[in-house]
Amino acid sequence: MIDKIGGKYALVCDICSEGAMQKFDDFWDAVRFKRDNGWKSQKRNGEWQDVCPECQEGLKCLAK
């Protein structure tokens, strides 16, 4: 998900809750970062989720 926190946008994985280290001034900057760094948006149970590259491969899910 991309949340606005304290005037900045934060990109957080909807599966593992890990966030990108970078914060963004603009929502679309976060979207570009997500796309350029291998994050994916997927629809699950009618809701859109942002998923980090590690969760896409199941690496973090296996570690939990």
Protein backbone atom coordinates (compact mmCIF):
# COMPACT_ATOMS: atom_id res chain seq x y z
CA MET A 1 0.00 0.00 0.00
CA ILE A 2 1.03 3.58 -0.40
CA ASP A 3 0.14 5.57 2.71
CA LYS A 4 0.55 9.27 3.41
CA ILE A 5 2.26 9.70 6.76
CA GLY A 6 3.29 13.10 8.06
CA GLY A 7 3.19 14.72 4.62
CA LYS A 8 5.28 11.98 2.94
CA TYR A 9 4.24 8.85 1.09
CA ALA A 10 5.44 5.43 2.24
CA LEU A 11 5.39 2.22 0.20
CA VAL A 12 4.64 -0.85 2.33
CA CYS A 13 4.20 -4.47 1.27
CA ASP A 14 0.67 -5.68 2.00
CA ILE A 15 1.94 -9.20 2.71
CA CYS A 16 4.99 -8.79 4.98
CA SER A 17 4.49 -5.13 6.06
CA GLU A 18 8.10 -4.27 5.15
CA GLY A 19 8.45 -0.82 3.67
CA ALA A 20 10.72 0.72 1.09
CA MET A 21 13.54 2.62 2.81
CA GLN A 22 12.75 5.73 0.81
CA LYS A 23 9.88 8.15 1.54
CA PHE A 24 8.28 10.14 -1.26
CA ASP A 25 6.98 13.70 -1.60
CA ASP A 26 4.52 12.72 -4.30
CA PHE A 27 2.20 9.70 -4.65
CA TRP A 28 3.27 9.16 -8.26
CA ASP A 29 6.94 9.08 -7.23
CA ALA A 30 6.07 6.11 -5.00
CA VAL A 31 4.23 4.45 -7.90
CA ARG A 32 7.26 4.92 -10.18
CA PHE A 33 9.61 3.55 -7.51
CA LYS A 34 7.34 0.53 -7.07
CA ARG A 35 7.29 -0.20 -10.79
CA ASP A 36 11.04 0.42 -11.28
CA ASN A 37 12.05 -1.79 -8.34
CA GLY A 38 10.08 -4.95 -9.03
CA TRP A 39 7.07 -4.39 -6.79
CA LYS A 40 3.73 -5.61 -8.17
CA SER A 41 0.13 -4.58 -7.70
CA GLN A 42 -2.22 -7.53 -7.56
CA LYS A 43 -5.91 -7.85 -6.93
CA ARG A 44 -6.82 -10.28 -4.16
CA ASN A 45 -10.35 -10.79 -2.83
CA GLY A 46 -11.45 -7.66 -4.67
CA GLU A 47 -8.74 -5.47 -3.07
CA TRP A 48 -5.53 -4.16 -4.65
CA GLN A 49 -2.31 -5.08 -2.85
CA ASP A 50 1.26 -3.88 -3.32
CA VAL A 51 3.68 -6.79 -3.03
CA CYS A 52 7.47 -6.53 -2.63
CA PRO A 53 9.76 -8.67 -4.82
CA GLU A 54 10.67 -11.02 -1.94
CA CYS A 55 7.05 -11.86 -1.17
CA GLN A 56 6.38 -12.43 -4.86
CA GLU A 57 8.98 -15.19 -4.70
CA GLY A 58 7.65 -16.48 -1.36
CA LEU A 59 10.96 -15.88 0.44
CA LYS A 60 9.63 -13.91 3.41
CA CYS A 61 6.46 -15.97 3.68
CA LEU A 62 8.53 -19.15 4.13
CA ALA A 63 10.63 -17.52 6.85
CA LYS A 64 7.63 -16.63 9.02
